[in-house]
Amino acid sequence: MTGLEHGPTRRRFLAAAGTATLAGTSGCLRWLRGDADGDEPRSGWHTEEFTTAEATKTFSYREGTRTPYAGVKQIYAGGGTLVAVYFDYAHEPSIRWWREEFPKLSDLLAEGRFRPTLLMFPLPVNEWSMLLPSALFEVRARGSRADAWAFHEALVEAAPEYSLDLLRELAGDVGVDGDAVVEAARTRRRRNQTLSDRQLGRDSGVETLPAFRWGTDPIEGSTAADIREFVESRR
């Protein structure tokens, strides 16, 4: 599949995968230790640790957010081996990977052997590096995991022609309040999740994007073939 062919087919595939396989959350320390039977990662978008429903006095990735908004649940698709993908929506190589390499792994996703997980790593390239993660997290907080994946895919397709009007439209397409998503992006409402994702990446040695981790262990390479080899090795 080429970069020009990534649109409708991949969106239909992810919508089906989201409906069929997306499940609940639990936040499991075993994932960070690299245990094969670990279910959920603890990361920057883990609801209880990094976001609070109550206002807090300080702003830091450890202690929460000043803004009293509901937490964000985890964002991933598929089953099987959990692969953390660090990226930046304004970073061209990151977008190119999603457009050109990710579709080559669709069979592993469909078979329940591959679970790609989004983690934000704003470099930043420009203002969208910070605005778009807040928009994505707001969609996840207000909708389902499948909604968040559909929104993510739409952002990938639209890059780099982003605008607040586009965010409002794309949020509406997945059934989420577009004005709320625009406000979240404009104010960087969910910046604590964004920054904690990035800190987790830095702690696991992420320096360039896109980067791939199993827990905190690096996955060598970045092509679909590299990721496929890793997933196959985990069987």
C-alpha atoms as a PDB file:
ATOM      1  CA  MET A   1       0.000   0.000   0.000  1.00  0.00           C
ATOM      2  CA  THR A   2       1.406   3.405  -0.936  1.00  0.00           C
ATOM      3  CA  GLY A   3       1.094   6.687   0.889  1.00  0.00           C
ATOM      4  CA  LEU A   4      -1.616   7.773  -1.579  1.00  0.00           C
ATOM      5  CA  GLU A   5      -3.711   4.707  -0.833  1.00  0.00           C
ATOM      6  CA  HIS A   6      -3.871   5.025   2.937  1.00  0.00           C
ATOM      7  CA  GLY A   7      -7.236   6.751   3.389  1.00  0.00           C
ATOM      8  CA  PRO A   8     -10.659   5.074   3.285  1.00  0.00           C
ATOM      9  CA  THR A   9      -9.439   1.473   3.385  1.00  0.00           C
ATOM     10  CA  ARG A  10      -7.390   1.942   6.528  1.00  0.00           C
ATOM     11  CA  ARG A  11     -10.116   3.949   8.258  1.00  0.00           C
ATOM     12  CA  ARG A  12     -12.682   1.236   7.569  1.00  0.00           C
ATOM     13  CA  PHE A  13     -10.249  -1.379   8.846  1.00  0.00           C
ATOM     14  CA  LEU A  14      -9.554   0.457  12.106  1.00  0.00           C
ATOM     15  CA  ALA A  15     -13.237   1.135  12.673  1.00  0.00           C
ATOM     16  CA  ALA A  16     -13.918  -2.580  12.366  1.00  0.00           C
ATOM     17  CA  ALA A  17     -10.969  -3.454  14.583  1.00  0.00           C
ATOM     18  CA  GLY A  18     -12.072  -0.934  17.182  1.00  0.00           C
ATOM     19  CA  THR A  19     -15.608  -2.315  17.267  1.00  0.00           C
ATOM     20  CA  ALA A  20     -14.453  -5.910  17.495  1.00  0.00           C
ATOM     21  CA  THR A  21     -11.464  -5.817  19.814  1.00  0.00           C
ATOM     22  CA  LEU A  22     -11.200  -2.722  21.984  1.00  0.00           C
ATOM     23  CA  ALA A  23     -11.632  -3.585  25.651  1.00  0.00           C
ATOM     24  CA  GLY A  24     -11.370  -2.168  29.202  1.00  0.00           C
ATOM     25  CA  THR A  25      -8.472  -0.686  31.132  1.00  0.00           C
ATOM     26  CA  SER A  26      -6.478  -1.818  34.133  1.00  0.00           C
ATOM     27  CA  GLY A  27      -3.025  -0.141  34.244  1.00  0.00           C
ATOM     28  CA  CYS A  28      -0.551  -2.943  34.845  1.00  0.00           C
ATOM     29  CA  LEU A  29       3.019  -2.578  36.103  1.00  0.00           C
ATOM     30  CA  ARG A  30       3.917  -5.876  34.468  1.00  0.00           C
ATOM     31  CA  TRP A  31       3.840  -4.167  31.072  1.00  0.00           C
ATOM     32  CA  LEU A  32       6.665  -1.802  32.017  1.00  0.00           C
ATOM     33  CA  ARG A  33       8.678  -4.737  33.305  1.00  0.00           C
ATOM     34  CA  GLY A  34       8.233  -6.433  29.919  1.00  0.00           C
ATOM     35  CA  ASP A  35       6.236  -9.464  31.108  1.00  0.00           C
ATOM     36  CA  ALA A  36       4.505 -11.190  28.211  1.00  0.00           C
ATOM     37  CA  ASP A  37       1.266 -11.638  30.141  1.00  0.00           C
ATOM     38  CA  GLY A  38       0.955  -7.963  31.076  1.00  0.00           C
ATOM     39  CA  ASP A  39      -2.311  -6.440  29.904  1.00  0.00           C
ATOM     40  CA  GLU A  40      -2.191  -2.661  30.181  1.00  0.00           C
ATOM     41  CA  PRO A  41       0.698  -0.183  30.352  1.00  0.00           C
ATOM     42  CA  ARG A  42       1.142   2.493  32.960  1.00  0.00           C
ATOM     43  CA  SER A  43       1.816   5.619  30.980  1.00  0.00           C
ATOM     44  CA  GLY A  44       1.093   9.286  30.460  1.00  0.00           C
ATOM     45  CA  TRP A  45      -2.512   8.644  29.542  1.00  0.00           C
ATOM     46  CA  HIS A  46      -3.282   6.344  32.464  1.00  0.00           C
ATOM     47  CA  THR A  47      -6.458   7.757  34.018  1.00  0.00           C
ATOM     48  CA  GLU A  48      -5.830   7.650  37.748  1.00  0.00           C
ATOM     49  CA  GLU A  49      -2.175   8.571  37.976  1.00  0.00           C
ATOM     50  CA  PHE A  50      -1.736  11.419  35.546  1.00  0.00           C
ATOM     51  CA  THR A  51      -5.096  13.157  35.384  1.00  0.00           C
ATOM     52  CA  THR A  52      -7.458  14.049  38.190  1.00  0.00           C
ATOM     53  CA  ALA A  53     -11.148  14.876  38.227  1.00  0.00           C
ATOM     54  CA  GLU A  54     -10.368  17.387  40.969  1.00  0.00           C
ATOM     55  CA  ALA A  55      -8.300  20.519  40.598  1.00  0.00           C
ATOM     56  CA  THR A  56      -4.806  20.266  42.070  1.00  0.00           C
ATOM     57  CA  LYS A  57      -2.556  23.008  43.385  1.00  0.00           C
ATOM     58  CA  THR A  58       0.418  22.203  41.190  1.00  0.00           C
ATOM     59  CA  PHE A  59       1.063  21.409  37.561  1.00  0.00           C
ATOM     60  CA  SER A  60       3.524  18.648  36.901  1.00  0.00           C
ATOM     61  CA  TYR A  61       3.501  15.346  35.118  1.00  0.00           C
ATOM     62  CA  ARG A  62       3.693  13.561  38.478  1.00  0.00           C
ATOM     63  CA  GLU A  63       1.044  15.503  40.368  1.00  0.00           C
ATOM     64  CA  GLY A  64      -1.706  16.187  37.882  1.00  0.00           C
ATOM     65  CA  THR A  65      -3.312  19.163  36.218  1.00  0.00           C
ATOM     66  CA  ARG A  66      -4.642  22.487  37.394  1.00  0.00           C
ATOM     67  CA  THR A  67      -7.756  22.039  35.293  1.00  0.00           C
ATOM     68  CA  PRO A  68     -10.519  19.850  36.771  1.00  0.00           C
ATOM     69  CA  TYR A  69     -11.360  17.747  33.742  1.00  0.00           C
ATOM     70  CA  ALA A  70     -12.200  14.067  33.637  1.00  0.00           C
ATOM     71  CA  GLY A  71      -9.384  11.596  33.034  1.00  0.00           C
ATOM     72  CA  VAL A  72      -8.347  10.056  29.748  1.00  0.00           C
ATOM     73  CA  LYS A  73      -8.465   6.300  29.349  1.00  0.00           C
ATOM     74  CA  GLN A  74      -5.928   4.365  27.325  1.00  0.00           C
ATOM     75  CA  ILE A  75      -5.783   4.521  23.538  1.00  0.00           C
ATOM     76  CA  TYR A  76      -4.818   1.420  21.599  1.00  0.00           C
ATOM     77  CA  ALA A  77      -6.138  -0.965  18.979  1.00  0.00           C
ATOM     78  CA  GLY A  78      -6.043  -4.709  18.523  1.00  0.00           C
ATOM     79  CA  GLY A  79      -4.843  -7.476  20.793  1.00  0.00           C
ATOM     80  CA  GLY A  80      -1.647  -9.447  21.209  1.00  0.00           C
ATOM     81  CA  THR A  81       1.798  -7.917  21.605  1.00  0.00           C
ATOM     82  CA  LEU A  82       1.586  -4.343  22.852  1.00  0.00           C
ATOM     83  CA  VAL A  83       3.911  -2.015  20.921  1.00  0.00           C
ATOM     84  CA  ALA A  84       4.232   1.590  22.075  1.00  0.00           C
ATOM     85  CA  VAL A  85       4.590   4.023  19.173  1.00  0.00           C
ATOM     86  CA  TYR A  86       6.017   7.449  20.041  1.00  0.00           C
ATOM     87  CA  PHE A  87       5.347  10.158  17.503  1.00  0.00           C
ATOM     88  CA  ASP A  88       4.529  13.794  16.817  1.00  0.00           C
ATOM     89  CA  TYR A  89       1.631  14.853  14.564  1.00  0.00           C
ATOM     90  CA  ALA A  90       3.718  17.703  13.139  1.00  0.00           C
ATOM     91  CA  HIS A  91       6.731  15.484  12.436  1.00  0.00           C
ATOM     92  CA  GLU A  92       6.830  14.388   8.797  1.00  0.00           C
ATOM     93  CA  PRO A  93       8.661  11.050   9.327  1.00  0.00           C
ATOM     94  CA  SER A  94       6.130  10.106  12.007  1.00  0.00           C
ATOM     95  CA  ILE A  95       3.223  10.815   9.680  1.00  0.00           C
ATOM     96  CA  ARG A  96       4.965   9.000   6.835  1.00  0.00           C
ATOM     97  CA  TRP A  97       5.331   5.880   9.009  1.00  0.00           C
ATOM     98  CA  TRP A  98       1.601   5.814   9.760  1.00  0.00           C
ATOM     99  CA  ARG A  99       0.744   6.324   6.116  1.00  0.00           C
ATOM    100  CA  GLU A 100       3.225   3.923   4.533  1.00  0.00           C
ATOM    101  CA  GLU A 101       4.372   1.351   7.111  1.00  0.00           C
ATOM    102  CA  PHE A 102       1.437   0.872   9.470  1.00  0.00           C
ATOM    103  CA  PRO A 103      -0.963  -0.441   6.768  1.00  0.00           C
ATOM    104  CA  LYS A 104       1.517  -3.244   6.019  1.00  0.00           C
ATOM    105  CA  LEU A 105       0.825  -4.600   9.523  1.00  0.00           C
ATOM    106  CA  SER A 106      -2.951  -4.742   9.120  1.00  0.00           C
ATOM    107  CA  ASP A 107      -3.012  -8.539   8.972  1.00  0.00           C
ATOM    108  CA  LEU A 108      -1.315  -8.797  12.388  1.00  0.00           C
ATOM    109  CA  LEU A 109      -3.823  -6.334  13.812  1.00  0.00           C
ATOM    110  CA  ALA A 110      -6.770  -8.210  12.314  1.00  0.00           C
ATOM    111  CA  GLU A 111      -5.466 -11.507  13.685  1.00  0.00           C
ATOM    112  CA  GLY A 112      -5.173 -10.066  17.198  1.00  0.00           C
ATOM    113  CA  ARG A 113      -1.397 -10.428  17.322  1.00  0.00           C
ATOM    114  CA  PHE A 114      -0.426  -6.752  17.285  1.00  0.00           C
ATOM    115  CA  ARG A 115      -1.623  -3.941  19.559  1.00  0.00           C
ATOM    116  CA  PRO A 116      -0.167  -0.557  18.557  1.00  0.00           C
ATOM    117  CA  THR A 117      -0.431   2.006  21.342  1.00  0.00           C
ATOM    118  CA  LEU A 118      -0.189   5.764  20.837  1.00  0.00           C
ATOM    119  CA  LEU A 119       2.206   7.765  22.978  1.00  0.00           C
ATOM    120  CA  MET A 120       2.816  11.440  22.389  1.00  0.00           C
ATOM    121  CA  PHE A 121       6.332  12.796  21.972  1.00  0.00           C
ATOM    122  CA  PRO A 122       6.110  16.461  20.922  1.00  0.00           C
ATOM    123  CA  LEU A 123       9.552  17.529  19.723  1.00  0.00           C
ATOM    124  CA  PRO A 124       8.048  20.145  19.145  1.00  0.00           C
ATOM    125  CA  VAL A 125       8.061  20.888  15.423  1.00  0.00           C
ATOM    126  CA  ASN A 126       5.441  23.628  15.643  1.00  0.00           C
ATOM    127  CA  GLU A 127       2.369  24.514  17.688  1.00  0.00           C
ATOM    128  CA  TRP A 128       0.452  21.465  16.421  1.00  0.00           C
ATOM    129  CA  SER A 129       2.948  19.211  18.202  1.00  0.00           C
ATOM    130  CA  MET A 130       1.300  20.282  21.469  1.00  0.00           C
ATOM    131  CA  LEU A 131      -2.232  21.176  20.366  1.00  0.00           C
ATOM    132  CA  LEU A 132      -3.160  17.916  18.654  1.00  0.00           C
ATOM    133  CA  PRO A 133      -2.383  15.543  21.541  1.00  0.00           C
ATOM    134  CA  SER A 134      -4.799  17.509  23.729  1.00  0.00           C
ATOM    135  CA  ALA A 135      -7.422  17.213  21.003  1.00  0.00           C
ATOM    136  CA  LEU A 136      -6.895  13.453  20.742  1.00  0.00           C
ATOM    137  CA  PHE A 137      -7.036  12.945  24.511  1.00  0.00           C
ATOM    138  CA  GLU A 138     -10.230  15.010  24.682  1.00  0.00           C
ATOM    139  CA  VAL A 139     -11.844  12.778  22.059  1.00  0.00           C
ATOM    140  CA  ARG A 140     -10.835   9.720  24.065  1.00  0.00           C
ATOM    141  CA  ALA A 141     -12.186  11.182  27.302  1.00  0.00           C
ATOM    142  CA  ARG A 142     -15.549  11.971  25.696  1.00  0.00           C
ATOM    143  CA  GLY A 143     -15.840   8.976  23.378  1.00  0.00           C
ATOM    144  CA  SER A 144     -14.597   5.442  22.943  1.00  0.00           C
ATOM    145  CA  ARG A 145     -11.189   4.022  22.120  1.00  0.00           C
ATOM    146  CA  ALA A 146     -12.458   3.345  18.606  1.00  0.00           C
ATOM    147  CA  ASP A 147     -13.478   7.018  18.324  1.00  0.00           C
ATOM    148  CA  ALA A 148      -9.978   8.080  19.340  1.00  0.00           C
ATOM    149  CA  TRP A 149      -8.388   5.794  16.763  1.00  0.00           C
ATOM    150  CA  ALA A 150     -10.667   7.074  14.012  1.00  0.00           C
ATOM    151  CA  PHE A 151      -9.807  10.644  15.013  1.00  0.00           C
ATOM    152  CA  HIS A 152      -6.098   9.821  15.036  1.00  0.00           C
ATOM    153  CA  GLU A 153      -6.310   8.285  11.576  1.00  0.00           C
ATOM    154  CA  ALA A 154      -8.145  11.347  10.281  1.00  0.00           C
ATOM    155  CA  LEU A 155      -5.394  13.599  11.674  1.00  0.00           C
ATOM    156  CA  VAL A 156      -2.771  11.477   9.932  1.00  0.00           C
ATOM    157  CA  GLU A 157      -4.657  11.750   6.659  1.00  0.00           C
ATOM    158  CA  ALA A 158      -5.036  15.526   7.002  1.00  0.00           C
ATOM    159  CA  ALA A 159      -1.386  16.296   7.855  1.00  0.00           C
ATOM    160  CA  PRO A 160       0.040  18.858   7.573  1.00  0.00           C
ATOM    161  CA  GLU A 161      -3.080  20.909   6.712  1.00  0.00           C
ATOM    162  CA  TYR A 162      -4.342  21.310  10.265  1.00  0.00           C
ATOM    163  CA  SER A 163      -6.736  23.976  11.524  1.00  0.00           C
ATOM    164  CA  LEU A 164      -9.107  24.410  14.447  1.00  0.00           C
ATOM    165  CA  ASP A 165     -12.036  24.209  12.041  1.00  0.00           C
ATOM    166  CA  LEU A 166     -10.711  20.867  10.840  1.00  0.00           C
ATOM    167  CA  LEU A 167     -10.486  19.570  14.418  1.00  0.00           C
ATOM    168  CA  ARG A 168     -14.094  20.589  15.019  1.00  0.00           C
ATOM    169  CA  GLU A 169     -15.185  18.768  11.864  1.00  0.00           C
ATOM    170  CA  LEU A 170     -13.196  15.595  12.552  1.00  0.00           C
ATOM    171  CA  ALA A 171     -14.428  15.414  16.131  1.00  0.00           C
ATOM    172  CA  GLY A 172     -18.001  15.733  14.898  1.00  0.00           C
ATOM    173  CA  ASP A 173     -17.356  12.911  12.431  1.00  0.00           C
ATOM    174  CA  VAL A 174     -16.693  10.533  15.345  1.00  0.00           C
ATOM    175  CA  GLY A 175     -19.613  11.829  17.392  1.00  0.00           C
ATOM    176  CA  VAL A 176     -17.694  13.996  19.873  1.00  0.00           C
ATOM    177  CA  ASP A 177     -18.411  17.643  20.712  1.00  0.00           C
ATOM    178  CA  GLY A 178     -16.213  19.546  18.262  1.00  0.00           C
ATOM    179  CA  ASP A 179     -16.241  22.803  20.234  1.00  0.00           C
ATOM    180  CA  ALA A 180     -14.967  20.989  23.331  1.00  0.00           C
ATOM    181  CA  VAL A 181     -12.172  19.369  21.326  1.00  0.00           C
ATOM    182  CA  VAL A 182     -11.152  22.710  19.804  1.00  0.00           C
ATOM    183  CA  GLU A 183     -11.116  24.293  23.265  1.00  0.00           C
ATOM    184  CA  ALA A 184      -8.992  21.447  24.611  1.00  0.00           C
ATOM    185  CA  ALA A 185      -6.497  21.931  21.777  1.00  0.00           C
ATOM    186  CA  ARG A 186      -6.451  25.716  21.990  1.00  0.00           C
ATOM    187  CA  THR A 187      -5.790  25.737  25.731  1.00  0.00           C
ATOM    188  CA  ARG A 188      -3.600  22.582  25.686  1.00  0.00           C
ATOM    189  CA  ARG A 189      -6.009  21.310  28.316  1.00  0.00           C
ATOM    190  CA  ARG A 190      -4.503  17.832  28.458  1.00  0.00           C
ATOM    191  CA  ARG A 191      -0.892  18.868  28.357  1.00  0.00           C
ATOM    192  CA  ASN A 192      -0.085  16.798  31.450  1.00  0.00           C
ATOM    193  CA  GLN A 193      -0.812  13.575  29.569  1.00  0.00           C
ATOM    194  CA  THR A 194       1.232  14.810  26.633  1.00  0.00           C
ATOM    195  CA  LEU A 195       4.229  15.723  28.772  1.00  0.00           C
ATOM    196  CA  SER A 196       4.113  12.529  30.800  1.00  0.00           C
ATOM    197  CA  ASP A 197       4.022  10.443  27.612  1.00  0.00           C
ATOM    198  CA  ARG A 198       7.104  12.296  26.432  1.00  0.00           C
ATOM    199  CA  GLN A 199       8.841  11.854  29.777  1.00  0.00           C
ATOM    200  CA  LEU A 200       8.175   8.122  29.692  1.00  0.00           C
ATOM    201  CA  GLY A 201       9.716   8.059  26.233  1.00  0.00           C
ATOM    202  CA  ARG A 202      12.761   9.986  27.372  1.00  0.00           C
ATOM    203  CA  ASP A 203      13.138   7.642  30.336  1.00  0.00           C
ATOM    204  CA  SER A 204      13.198   4.707  27.916  1.00  0.00           C
ATOM    205  CA  GLY A 205      15.771   6.355  25.663  1.00  0.00           C
ATOM    206  CA  VAL A 206      13.637   7.848  22.901  1.00  0.00           C
ATOM    207  CA  GLU A 207      15.618  10.452  20.980  1.00  0.00           C
ATOM    208  CA  THR A 208      14.306  10.331  17.416  1.00  0.00           C
ATOM    209  CA  LEU A 209      10.877   9.600  15.926  1.00  0.00           C
ATOM    210  CA  PRO A 210       9.060   7.475  15.243  1.00  0.00           C
ATOM    211  CA  ALA A 211      10.248   5.226  18.078  1.00  0.00           C
ATOM    212  CA  PHE A 212       8.945   1.852  19.223  1.00  0.00           C
ATOM    213  CA  ARG A 213       9.055   0.225  22.630  1.00  0.00           C
ATOM    214  CA  TRP A 214       7.898  -2.980  24.289  1.00  0.00           C
ATOM    215  CA  GLY A 215       7.363  -1.663  27.782  1.00  0.00           C
ATOM    216  CA  THR A 216      10.525   0.405  28.138  1.00  0.00           C
ATOM    217  CA  ASP A 217      12.640  -1.924  25.999  1.00  0.00           C
ATOM    218  CA  PRO A 218      13.619  -0.541  22.565  1.00  0.00           C
ATOM    219  CA  ILE A 219      12.435  -2.332  19.446  1.00  0.00           C
ATOM    220  CA  GLU A 220      15.168  -2.152  16.849  1.00  0.00           C
ATOM    221  CA  GLY A 221      14.297  -0.645  13.485  1.00  0.00           C
ATOM    222  CA  SER A 222      11.248   1.261  12.309  1.00  0.00           C
ATOM    223  CA  THR A 223       9.974  -0.419   9.168  1.00  0.00           C
ATOM    224  CA  ALA A 224       6.906  -2.619   9.051  1.00  0.00           C
ATOM    225  CA  ALA A 225       9.245  -5.562   8.501  1.00  0.00           C
ATOM    226  CA  ASP A 226      11.133  -4.709  11.721  1.00  0.00           C
ATOM    227  CA  ILE A 227       7.932  -4.482  13.750  1.00  0.00           C
ATOM    228  CA  ARG A 228       6.605  -7.677  12.172  1.00  0.00           C
ATOM    229  CA  GLU A 229       9.784  -9.527  13.091  1.00  0.00           C
ATOM    230  CA  PHE A 230       9.478  -8.356  16.697  1.00  0.00           C
ATOM    231  CA  VAL A 231       5.800  -9.316  16.982  1.00  0.00           C
ATOM    232  CA  GLU A 232       6.511 -12.725  15.445  1.00  0.00           C
ATOM    233  CA  SER A 233       9.296 -13.266  17.965  1.00  0.00           C
ATOM    234  CA  ARG A 234       6.850 -12.767  20.843  1.00  0.00           C
ATOM    235  CA  ARG A 235       4.667 -15.756  19.864  1.00  0.00           C
END
